Amino acid sequence: MNSLLLAGGHVVDPANHFDAIADVLIVDGKISAIGSNLSAPVGLERWDATGKIVCPGLIDLHVHFREPGQTAKENIASGTAAAARGGFTSVVCMPNTAPAIDSAGTVALIHERAREQGIVNVFVTGAITKNIAGEELAPIGSLKKAGVVAITDDGHCVQNHDLMRRACEYAKMFDLPIFDHCQDYSLVTDGVMHEGYWNLALGLRGWPAAGEEMIVARNILLAELTGAKIHCQHLSAAGSVALLREAKKRGVSISGEACPHHFTLTDAAIAGSEKFWKADGQMLPTAQADDRPAWPNYDTNFKMNPPLRSAKDREAILEGLTDGTIDILCSDHAPHCDYEKEVEFDYAPFGITGLETELALSLMQLVHTKRISLADLLAKFTVNPARLLNLNKGTLSVGADADVTVFDPAEEWIFNREDSASKSKNNPFFGWKLQGKVAATIVGGKKVWSEQNELVSV
């Protein structure tokens, strides 16, 4: 069940700088050998990967599975099923659950549920502050001992700079990175979309880019002061990219991530006036058959935190990904029930699902447009997040866990609502014609999803 020969695929392993046609032999859940014309034990399953990319299992270090406490939206079973469909073998859950993940007991509960119900590797982050309230530090040492891989108040941002400094000092002591949702509440106030032309045209309260940039600058200063590893989540603003680029040149221990919706869409989508352009000047393919706007005005599936920003900001995110300033890709998979999203734009919750579309959208925006190489893209999904989190993942080295993703970067497909494995359907990309499709997701040598039968097994 956990031994397999993947034959004739194009193997891309950024961790080992390997990029060639080769076979991958998996024995007892581990990578046994990589090479040409490998021989396998008698009776071992052989899977023809000709024409496909074979790479280390993809890692998404920013997902919300809503367990415990909000399982009407998602749970570990449905969330890991969506991850497997998207080609992800490892995910990192955020702590803004109910209750928040601010104690060793809650960490243990999620680990237990993941063992029982999850079909991919589930890693857990702990809260920076108790109940992610931003007032008192959580027991960071106990959380580390319980097995968290990072600390964050994701969904919230610690506004007290001295408290954040102390958190950084503890995080460095326990060798934990700090993830930060960069949002200055005094600047953002009650904004619901990017502050610019479209929020004025639509009569919606604006959310200035400076509300993100202010905290990115704060984090750079604290990383320099304390030596802690600070990771800025879901960057969306041009100023944030510029600040990060300059800080990294100075050797500051700061990093950042980007989500496909921020480098695919702009705030014009909320008005139904978005033109979905690729970098080469060609319009992105969608399933729309006429010239009408693709979506009605005020579609809450375009409401996320941070918000979709201007075309200038989108281009800056793409440039940051191209030059390596932003070295990690993720989804910020944030499921919500239909009834929560089917309200006025002001009152809808922020967030969209993303695990099942992020690989294809990233290929379309970054690789098919020749901004970066396929190996560079896969590094942002594999070895880079693994190194940040000190995980023994993201590689096809002999002896490593056999977590493998197989996909066809050229295959076109339409993302239909009924095909999603997530409990929630708050995704703006339904109906899009995407390019780049997962063929199989392998965790510990076992196929947990494949396009032939679409079977998910625990």
Protein backbone atom coordinates (compact mmCIF):
# COMPACT_ATOMS: atom_id res chain seq x y z
CA MET A 1 0.00 0.00 0.00
CA ASN A 2 2.91 2.39 0.55
CA SER A 3 5.38 1.17 -2.08
CA LEU A 4 5.27 2.37 -5.68
CA LEU A 5 7.35 2.99 -8.79
CA LEU A 6 6.66 6.28 -10.56
CA ALA A 7 8.10 5.69 -14.01
CA GLY A 8 9.21 8.10 -16.70
CA GLY A 9 8.09 11.39 -15.18
CA HIS A 10 9.83 14.74 -15.32
CA VAL A 11 11.26 14.88 -11.81
CA VAL A 12 11.79 18.36 -10.37
CA ASP A 13 13.29 18.51 -6.88
CA PRO A 14 14.44 22.06 -6.07
CA ALA A 15 15.96 21.01 -2.74
CA ASN A 16 18.49 18.83 -4.57
CA HIS A 17 18.66 20.89 -7.80
CA PHE A 18 17.42 17.82 -9.69
CA ASP A 19 15.52 18.42 -12.95
CA ALA A 20 15.38 15.50 -15.38
CA ILE A 21 13.32 12.63 -16.74
CA ALA A 22 13.64 9.84 -14.19
CA ASP A 23 11.93 7.10 -12.20
CA VAL A 24 11.12 7.46 -8.51
CA LEU A 25 11.08 4.29 -6.43
CA ILE A 26 9.11 4.37 -3.18
CA VAL A 27 9.51 1.51 -0.71
CA ASP A 28 7.76 1.32 2.66
CA GLY A 29 6.74 4.96 2.57
CA LYS A 30 10.23 6.33 1.89
CA ILE A 31 12.07 7.53 -1.21
CA SER A 32 14.29 4.56 -2.11
CA ALA A 33 15.93 5.66 -5.36
CA ILE A 34 15.73 8.16 -8.22
CA GLY A 35 17.22 7.37 -11.61
CA SER A 36 16.70 5.96 -15.07
CA ASN A 37 15.23 2.48 -15.71
CA LEU A 38 15.00 1.58 -12.06
CA SER A 39 14.18 -2.01 -11.20
CA ALA A 40 11.48 -2.61 -8.62
CA PRO A 41 10.63 -5.59 -6.43
CA VAL A 42 8.28 -8.14 -7.96
CA GLY A 43 4.65 -7.22 -7.49
CA LEU A 44 5.29 -3.54 -6.81
CA GLU A 45 2.74 -1.21 -8.39
CA ARG A 46 4.10 0.71 -11.37
CA TRP A 47 2.54 4.08 -12.22
CA ASP A 48 3.33 5.59 -15.61
CA ALA A 49 4.15 9.26 -15.04
CA THR A 50 5.22 9.99 -18.62
CA GLY A 51 4.41 13.57 -19.56
CA LYS A 52 3.82 14.54 -15.94
CA ILE A 53 5.83 16.53 -13.42
CA VAL A 54 6.88 14.55 -10.35
CA CYS A 55 7.95 16.75 -7.44
CA PRO A 56 8.16 16.78 -3.65
CA GLY A 57 4.77 16.94 -2.00
CA LEU A 58 3.50 20.52 -1.96
CA ILE A 59 3.28 22.36 1.38
CA ASP A 60 0.70 25.03 2.19
CA LEU A 61 1.74 26.83 5.37
CA HIS A 62 -1.44 28.90 5.73
CA VAL A 63 -4.82 27.17 5.94
CA HIS A 64 -7.88 27.40 8.15
CA PHE A 65 -9.60 24.05 8.80
CA ARG A 66 -11.97 25.53 11.41
CA GLU A 67 -11.58 22.64 13.82
CA PRO A 68 -12.35 22.85 16.69
CA GLY A 69 -15.48 24.93 16.99
CA GLN A 70 -16.44 25.94 13.44
CA THR A 71 -16.81 22.62 11.67
CA ALA A 72 -19.91 23.67 9.71
CA LYS A 73 -17.43 25.55 7.53
CA GLU A 74 -14.67 22.93 7.33
CA ASN A 75 -13.07 20.18 9.36
CA ILE A 76 -9.86 18.24 9.16
CA ALA A 77 -11.42 15.48 7.06
CA SER A 78 -12.86 17.80 4.40
CA GLY A 79 -9.94 20.22 4.53
CA THR A 80 -7.33 17.53 3.96
CA ALA A 81 -9.46 16.10 1.13
CA ALA A 82 -9.38 19.53 -0.54
CA ALA A 83 -5.63 19.70 0.05
CA ALA A 84 -5.11 16.31 -1.59
CA ARG A 85 -7.14 17.37 -4.64
CA GLY A 86 -4.94 20.42 -4.90
CA GLY A 87 -1.72 18.40 -4.75
CA PHE A 88 -0.78 19.31 -1.18
CA THR A 89 0.71 16.64 1.05
CA SER A 90 1.32 18.92 4.05
CA VAL A 91 -0.68 21.83 5.46
CA VAL A 92 -0.20 24.17 8.41
CA CYS A 93 -3.35 25.09 10.35
CA MET A 94 -3.88 28.54 11.83
CA PRO A 95 -4.91 28.97 15.49
CA ASN A 96 -7.98 31.23 15.15
CA THR A 97 -10.38 28.41 15.98
CA ALA A 98 -12.94 28.21 18.80
CA PRO A 99 -11.30 27.84 21.25
CA ALA A 100 -8.09 29.35 19.91
CA ILE A 101 -5.03 27.09 19.81
CA ASP A 102 -3.38 28.67 22.83
CA SER A 103 -2.86 25.57 25.00
CA ALA A 104 -1.11 22.23 24.74
CA GLY A 105 -4.45 20.43 25.12
CA THR A 106 -5.92 22.00 21.99
CA VAL A 107 -2.77 21.18 20.03
CA ALA A 108 -3.09 17.55 21.16
CA LEU A 109 -6.75 17.48 20.09
CA ILE A 110 -5.91 18.62 16.55
CA HIS A 111 -3.05 16.15 16.27
CA GLU A 112 -5.41 13.35 17.32
CA ARG A 113 -8.10 14.39 14.83
CA ALA A 114 -5.50 14.64 12.09
CA ARG A 115 -4.29 11.09 12.78
CA GLU A 116 -7.86 9.76 12.76
CA GLN A 117 -9.41 11.74 9.91
CA GLY A 118 -6.71 13.52 7.91
CA ILE A 119 -5.30 12.13 4.68
CA VAL A 120 -2.37 14.56 4.42
CA ASN A 121 0.17 15.75 6.98
CA VAL A 122 -1.34 18.36 9.31
CA PHE A 123 0.96 20.70 11.21
CA VAL A 124 -0.29 23.14 13.82
CA THR A 125 0.54 26.71 14.78
CA GLY A 126 -0.03 28.07 18.26
CA ALA A 127 -1.34 31.49 19.24
CA ILE A 128 1.00 34.32 20.18
CA THR A 129 -1.45 35.61 22.78
CA LYS A 130 -4.11 33.99 24.94
CA ASN A 131 -7.37 33.65 23.02
CA ILE A 132 -5.59 35.60 20.23
CA ALA A 133 -6.78 38.70 22.05
CA GLY A 134 -3.48 40.58 21.81
CA GLU A 135 -3.26 41.27 25.53
CA GLU A 136 -1.25 38.52 27.26
CA LEU A 137 1.31 36.09 25.87
CA ALA A 138 0.24 32.48 25.41
CA PRO A 139 2.45 29.76 27.02
CA ILE A 140 4.88 29.62 24.11
CA GLY A 141 7.19 27.05 25.70
CA SER A 142 4.31 24.67 26.39
CA LEU A 143 3.04 25.11 22.84
CA LYS A 144 6.47 24.29 21.47
CA LYS A 145 6.65 21.17 23.62
CA ALA A 146 3.19 20.17 22.37
CA GLY A 147 4.45 20.26 18.81
CA VAL A 148 3.52 23.57 17.18
CA VAL A 149 5.71 24.60 14.24
CA ALA A 150 5.19 28.38 14.56
CA ILE A 151 3.25 30.94 16.56
CA THR A 152 0.78 33.46 15.13
CA ASP A 153 -2.39 35.33 16.01
CA ASP A 154 -3.48 34.92 12.38
CA GLY A 155 -6.76 36.61 11.69
CA HIS A 156 -5.66 39.17 14.25
CA CYS A 157 -2.53 41.25 14.58
CA VAL A 158 -0.80 42.08 17.85
CA GLN A 159 -1.06 45.87 18.09
CA ASN A 160 1.02 46.33 21.24
CA HIS A 161 4.60 46.63 19.97
CA ASP A 162 6.20 45.82 23.31
CA LEU A 163 4.12 42.66 23.62
CA MET A 164 5.14 41.68 20.09
CA ARG A 165 8.77 42.30 21.02
CA ARG A 166 8.50 39.94 23.99
CA ALA A 167 6.83 37.34 21.77
CA CYS A 168 9.75 37.61 19.35
CA GLU A 169 12.24 37.08 22.17
CA TYR A 170 10.42 33.96 23.36
CA ALA A 171 10.04 32.68 19.80
CA LYS A 172 13.78 33.01 19.22
CA MET A 173 14.47 31.23 22.50
CA PHE A 174 12.33 28.26 21.41
CA ASP A 175 13.46 28.38 17.75
CA LEU A 176 9.96 29.09 16.45
CA PRO A 177 9.16 31.43 13.56
CA ILE A 178 6.50 34.07 14.14
CA PHE A 179 3.82 34.46 11.46
CA ASP A 180 2.12 37.85 11.42
CA HIS A 181 -1.12 39.00 9.84
CA CYS A 182 0.03 42.55 9.07
CA GLN A 183 -2.79 44.96 9.86
CA ASP A 184 -2.69 48.24 11.75
CA TYR A 185 -6.21 48.55 13.11
CA SER A 186 -5.96 52.30 13.68
CA LEU A 187 -5.35 52.80 9.95
CA VAL A 188 -7.62 50.09 8.58
CA THR A 189 -10.51 50.87 10.98
CA ASP A 190 -13.68 49.37 9.45
CA GLY A 191 -12.50 49.19 5.83
CA VAL A 192 -13.91 46.39 3.69
CA MET A 193 -12.00 46.80 0.38
CA HIS A 194 -8.86 48.47 -0.95
CA GLU A 195 -8.82 52.24 -0.62
CA GLY A 196 -8.64 53.64 -4.13
CA TYR A 197 -10.80 54.38 -7.15
CA TRP A 198 -13.15 51.42 -6.85
CA ASN A 199 -14.10 51.76 -3.20
CA LEU A 200 -15.18 55.34 -3.93
CA ALA A 201 -17.08 54.28 -7.03
CA LEU A 202 -18.87 51.50 -5.13
CA GLY A 203 -19.46 53.44 -1.93
CA LEU A 204 -17.57 50.94 0.24
CA ARG A 205 -15.29 51.86 3.13
CA GLY A 206 -11.63 51.90 2.14
CA TRP A 207 -8.76 49.84 3.52
CA PRO A 208 -5.47 51.68 2.87
CA ALA A 209 -2.39 49.75 1.82
CA ALA A 210 -0.51 51.66 4.55
CA GLY A 211 -2.45 49.60 7.10
CA GLU A 212 -0.41 46.58 5.98
CA GLU A 213 2.84 48.38 5.24
CA MET A 214 3.00 49.93 8.72
CA ILE A 215 3.10 46.50 10.40
CA VAL A 216 5.54 45.06 7.85
CA ALA A 217 7.89 47.91 8.78
CA ARG A 218 7.31 47.19 12.49
CA ASN A 219 8.14 43.54 11.98
CA ILE A 220 11.37 44.37 10.14
CA LEU A 221 12.49 46.53 13.06
CA LEU A 222 11.61 43.83 15.60
CA ALA A 223 13.37 41.13 13.59
CA GLU A 224 16.50 43.29 13.58
CA LEU A 225 16.17 44.04 17.29
CA THR A 226 15.51 40.50 18.53
CA GLY A 227 16.96 38.22 15.85
CA ALA A 228 13.65 36.33 15.65
CA LYS A 229 12.41 34.88 12.38
CA ILE A 230 9.31 36.85 11.40
CA HIS A 231 7.19 35.79 8.46
CA CYS A 232 4.73 38.32 6.99
CA GLN A 233 1.56 36.61 5.85
CA HIS A 234 -0.42 37.12 2.60
CA LEU A 235 1.32 40.27 1.38
CA SER A 236 -0.86 42.41 -0.89
CA ALA A 237 0.65 45.90 -1.13
CA ALA A 238 3.46 47.29 -3.28
CA GLY A 239 4.98 49.11 -0.30
CA SER A 240 5.19 45.86 1.66
CA VAL A 241 7.20 44.24 -1.13
CA ALA A 242 9.58 47.21 -1.28
CA LEU A 243 10.14 47.15 2.48
CA LEU A 244 10.74 43.39 2.49
CA ARG A 245 13.14 43.60 -0.46
CA GLU A 246 15.29 46.24 1.21
CA ALA A 247 15.31 44.42 4.56
CA LYS A 248 16.34 41.10 3.04
CA LYS A 249 19.23 42.80 1.26
CA ARG A 250 20.47 43.85 4.72
CA GLY A 251 20.23 40.27 5.97
CA VAL A 252 17.22 40.76 8.26
CA SER A 253 15.54 37.48 9.25
CA ILE A 254 12.25 38.46 7.62
CA SER A 255 10.25 36.63 4.97
CA GLY A 256 6.91 36.89 3.22
CA GLU A 257 4.27 34.90 1.39
CA ALA A 258 1.76 35.64 -1.36
CA CYS A 259 -1.60 34.13 -2.29
CA PRO A 260 -2.80 33.54 -5.87
CA HIS A 261 -5.85 35.75 -5.50
CA HIS A 262 -3.63 38.75 -4.78
CA PHE A 263 -1.51 38.28 -7.91
CA THR A 264 -4.37 37.19 -10.17
CA LEU A 265 -7.16 39.63 -9.31
CA THR A 266 -7.53 43.33 -8.51
CA ASP A 267 -10.12 45.38 -6.66
CA ALA A 268 -11.93 45.99 -9.96
CA ALA A 269 -13.33 42.47 -9.65
CA ILE A 270 -15.70 43.66 -6.92
CA ALA A 271 -17.28 46.01 -9.45
CA GLY A 272 -17.59 43.28 -12.06
CA SER A 273 -15.16 45.28 -14.20
CA GLU A 274 -12.05 43.15 -13.82
CA LYS A 275 -9.99 42.35 -16.89
CA PHE A 276 -8.07 39.20 -16.11
CA TRP A 277 -4.81 39.83 -17.91
CA LYS A 278 -1.77 37.64 -18.08
CA ALA A 279 1.70 39.20 -18.17
CA ASP A 280 2.06 38.59 -21.91
CA GLY A 281 -0.99 40.74 -22.67
CA GLN A 282 -3.39 37.88 -23.36
CA MET A 283 -6.64 37.59 -21.47
CA LEU A 284 -6.84 34.77 -18.98
CA PRO A 285 -9.13 31.98 -20.24
CA THR A 286 -12.42 31.67 -18.40
CA ALA A 287 -15.55 29.65 -18.96
CA GLN A 288 -17.59 32.79 -19.75
CA ALA A 289 -19.23 32.60 -23.18
CA ASP A 290 -20.15 36.26 -23.75
CA ASP A 291 -18.96 39.79 -23.14
CA ARG A 292 -20.97 40.50 -20.02
CA PRO A 293 -19.10 41.08 -16.74
CA ALA A 294 -17.99 37.72 -15.35
CA TRP A 295 -19.52 38.43 -11.92
CA PRO A 296 -22.13 40.80 -10.53
CA ASN A 297 -21.11 43.86 -8.53
CA TYR A 298 -20.40 43.43 -4.81
CA ASP A 299 -19.70 39.68 -5.04
CA THR A 300 -18.59 38.77 -1.52
CA ASN A 301 -16.42 35.95 -2.85
CA PHE A 302 -14.01 38.75 -3.76
CA LYS A 303 -13.89 39.94 -0.16
CA MET A 304 -10.74 38.79 1.59
CA ASN A 305 -8.29 39.99 4.21
CA PRO A 306 -6.09 41.69 3.16
CA PRO A 307 -8.28 42.93 0.30
CA LEU A 308 -7.74 42.71 -3.43
CA ARG A 309 -5.70 45.75 -4.34
CA SER A 310 -4.87 47.87 -7.38
CA ALA A 311 -3.21 46.75 -10.59
CA LYS A 312 0.00 48.44 -9.38
CA ASP A 313 -0.04 46.38 -6.19
CA ARG A 314 -0.75 43.19 -8.11
CA GLU A 315 2.21 43.84 -10.39
CA ALA A 316 4.45 44.51 -7.38
CA ILE A 317 3.51 41.15 -5.86
CA LEU A 318 4.35 39.44 -9.15
CA GLU A 319 7.69 41.26 -9.28
CA GLY A 320 8.41 40.23 -5.68
CA LEU A 321 7.76 36.61 -6.55
CA THR A 322 9.90 36.91 -9.67
CA ASP A 323 12.98 38.36 -7.99
CA GLY A 324 12.75 36.17 -4.87
CA THR A 325 11.70 38.87 -2.43
CA ILE A 326 8.61 36.75 -1.73
CA ASP A 327 9.82 33.17 -1.42
CA ILE A 328 6.70 31.27 -0.34
CA LEU A 329 3.28 30.67 -1.90
CA CYS A 330 0.18 29.67 0.04
CA SER A 331 -3.61 29.80 -0.17
CA ASP A 332 -4.92 31.34 3.06
CA HIS A 333 -7.70 28.74 2.59
CA ALA A 334 -10.55 30.35 4.57
CA PRO A 335 -13.88 28.52 4.21
CA HIS A 336 -17.22 30.10 5.17
CA CYS A 337 -20.79 28.83 4.94
CA ASP A 338 -22.94 30.06 2.05
CA TYR A 339 -25.37 31.87 4.33
CA GLU A 340 -22.50 33.86 5.83
CA LYS A 341 -21.34 35.10 2.44
CA GLU A 342 -24.82 35.68 0.98
CA VAL A 343 -25.30 39.05 2.68
CA GLU A 344 -24.43 42.66 1.92
CA PHE A 345 -20.74 43.19 1.16
CA ASP A 346 -20.19 45.19 4.37
CA TYR A 347 -21.40 42.34 6.56
CA ALA A 348 -19.88 39.29 4.85
CA PRO A 349 -16.85 37.65 6.48
CA PHE A 350 -13.45 37.98 4.84
CA GLY A 351 -11.90 34.99 3.11
CA ILE A 352 -12.07 32.45 0.29
CA THR A 353 -11.13 28.81 -0.21
CA GLY A 354 -8.01 28.19 -2.25
CA LEU A 355 -6.33 24.81 -1.81
CA GLU A 356 -7.74 23.33 -5.01
CA THR A 357 -6.87 26.23 -7.33
CA GLU A 358 -3.58 27.67 -6.08
CA LEU A 359 -1.23 25.41 -8.05
CA ALA A 360 -2.99 26.07 -11.37
CA LEU A 361 -3.30 29.83 -10.78
CA SER A 362 0.36 30.04 -9.79
CA LEU A 363 1.41 28.12 -12.90
CA MET A 364 -0.71 30.39 -15.08
CA GLN A 365 0.53 33.65 -13.60
CA LEU A 366 4.19 32.78 -13.01
CA VAL A 367 5.37 29.86 -15.15
CA HIS A 368 3.23 29.95 -18.29
CA THR A 369 3.93 33.69 -18.52
CA LYS A 370 7.66 32.92 -18.24
CA ARG A 371 8.18 35.08 -15.17
CA ILE A 372 9.93 32.27 -13.29
CA SER A 373 10.99 28.69 -13.98
CA LEU A 374 8.97 25.69 -12.88
CA ALA A 375 11.75 24.76 -10.43
CA ASP A 376 11.58 28.23 -8.85
CA LEU A 377 7.81 27.97 -8.51
CA LEU A 378 8.03 24.54 -6.88
CA ALA A 379 10.68 25.77 -4.45
CA LYS A 380 8.10 28.27 -3.15
CA PHE A 381 5.71 25.37 -2.50
CA THR A 382 8.23 22.83 -1.12
CA VAL A 383 11.74 23.45 0.17
CA ASN A 384 11.23 27.11 1.14
CA PRO A 385 8.29 26.56 3.52
CA ALA A 386 9.94 23.39 4.85
CA ARG A 387 13.11 25.32 5.74
CA LEU A 388 11.19 28.16 7.37
CA LEU A 389 9.36 25.68 9.60
CA ASN A 390 12.30 23.30 10.15
CA LEU A 391 10.28 20.45 8.65
CA ASN A 392 11.85 17.31 7.22
CA LYS A 393 9.67 17.72 4.13
CA GLY A 394 9.81 19.30 0.70
CA THR A 395 12.45 17.00 -0.80
CA LEU A 396 12.80 13.77 -2.77
CA SER A 397 16.12 12.88 -1.11
CA VAL A 398 16.70 9.16 -0.64
CA GLY A 399 15.38 8.19 2.77
CA ALA A 400 12.93 11.09 2.97
CA ASP A 401 9.22 10.56 3.53
CA ALA A 402 7.60 9.65 0.22
CA ASP A 403 5.35 12.70 -0.05
CA VAL A 404 5.03 13.30 -3.77
CA THR A 405 2.86 15.40 -6.07
CA VAL A 406 2.29 14.44 -9.71
CA PHE A 407 0.73 16.96 -12.07
CA ASP A 408 0.40 17.99 -15.71
CA PRO A 409 1.31 21.69 -16.02
CA ALA A 410 -0.32 22.02 -19.44
CA GLU A 411 -3.66 20.27 -18.88
CA GLU A 412 -6.68 22.57 -19.01
CA TRP A 413 -9.72 22.03 -16.82
CA ILE A 414 -12.70 23.95 -15.52
CA PHE A 415 -13.07 24.37 -11.79
CA ASN A 416 -16.68 23.49 -11.05
CA ARG A 417 -18.44 24.08 -7.77
CA GLU A 418 -19.62 20.49 -7.51
CA ASP A 419 -16.06 19.18 -7.86
CA SER A 420 -14.74 20.89 -4.74
CA ALA A 421 -14.00 18.67 -1.76
CA SER A 422 -14.27 21.56 0.71
CA LYS A 423 -17.40 21.89 2.82
CA SER A 424 -17.59 25.56 1.85
CA LYS A 425 -17.90 27.00 -1.65
CA ASN A 426 -16.76 30.59 -1.19
CA ASN A 427 -14.39 30.68 -4.13
CA PRO A 428 -14.26 33.33 -6.88
CA PHE A 429 -12.70 30.99 -9.43
CA PHE A 430 -15.62 28.66 -10.07
CA GLY A 431 -16.16 28.49 -13.83
CA TRP A 432 -12.59 29.45 -14.65
CA LYS A 433 -10.68 27.46 -17.23
CA LEU A 434 -7.45 26.69 -15.41
CA GLN A 435 -4.19 25.27 -16.72
CA GLY A 436 -2.24 22.79 -14.63
CA LYS A 437 -3.97 19.77 -13.12
CA VAL A 438 -2.98 17.41 -10.35
CA ALA A 439 -2.80 13.76 -11.39
CA ALA A 440 -1.95 12.17 -8.05
CA THR A 441 -1.14 13.10 -4.47
CA ILE A 442 1.01 10.63 -2.54
CA VAL A 443 1.53 10.81 1.23
CA GLY A 444 3.96 8.43 2.88
CA GLY A 445 4.04 6.32 -0.27
CA LYS A 446 0.26 5.96 -0.41
CA LYS A 447 -1.91 7.52 -3.11
CA VAL A 448 -4.53 9.53 -1.25
CA TRP A 449 -5.94 11.08 -4.43
CA SER A 450 -5.61 10.41 -8.15
CA GLU A 451 -7.52 11.71 -11.15
CA GLN A 452 -8.20 8.19 -12.44
CA ASN A 453 -10.56 7.24 -9.66
CA GLU A 454 -10.65 10.35 -7.46
CA LEU A 455 -10.64 8.06 -4.45
CA VAL A 456 -9.57 9.50 -1.15
CA SER A 457 -8.58 6.88 1.39
CA VAL A 458 -7.69 7.30 5.04
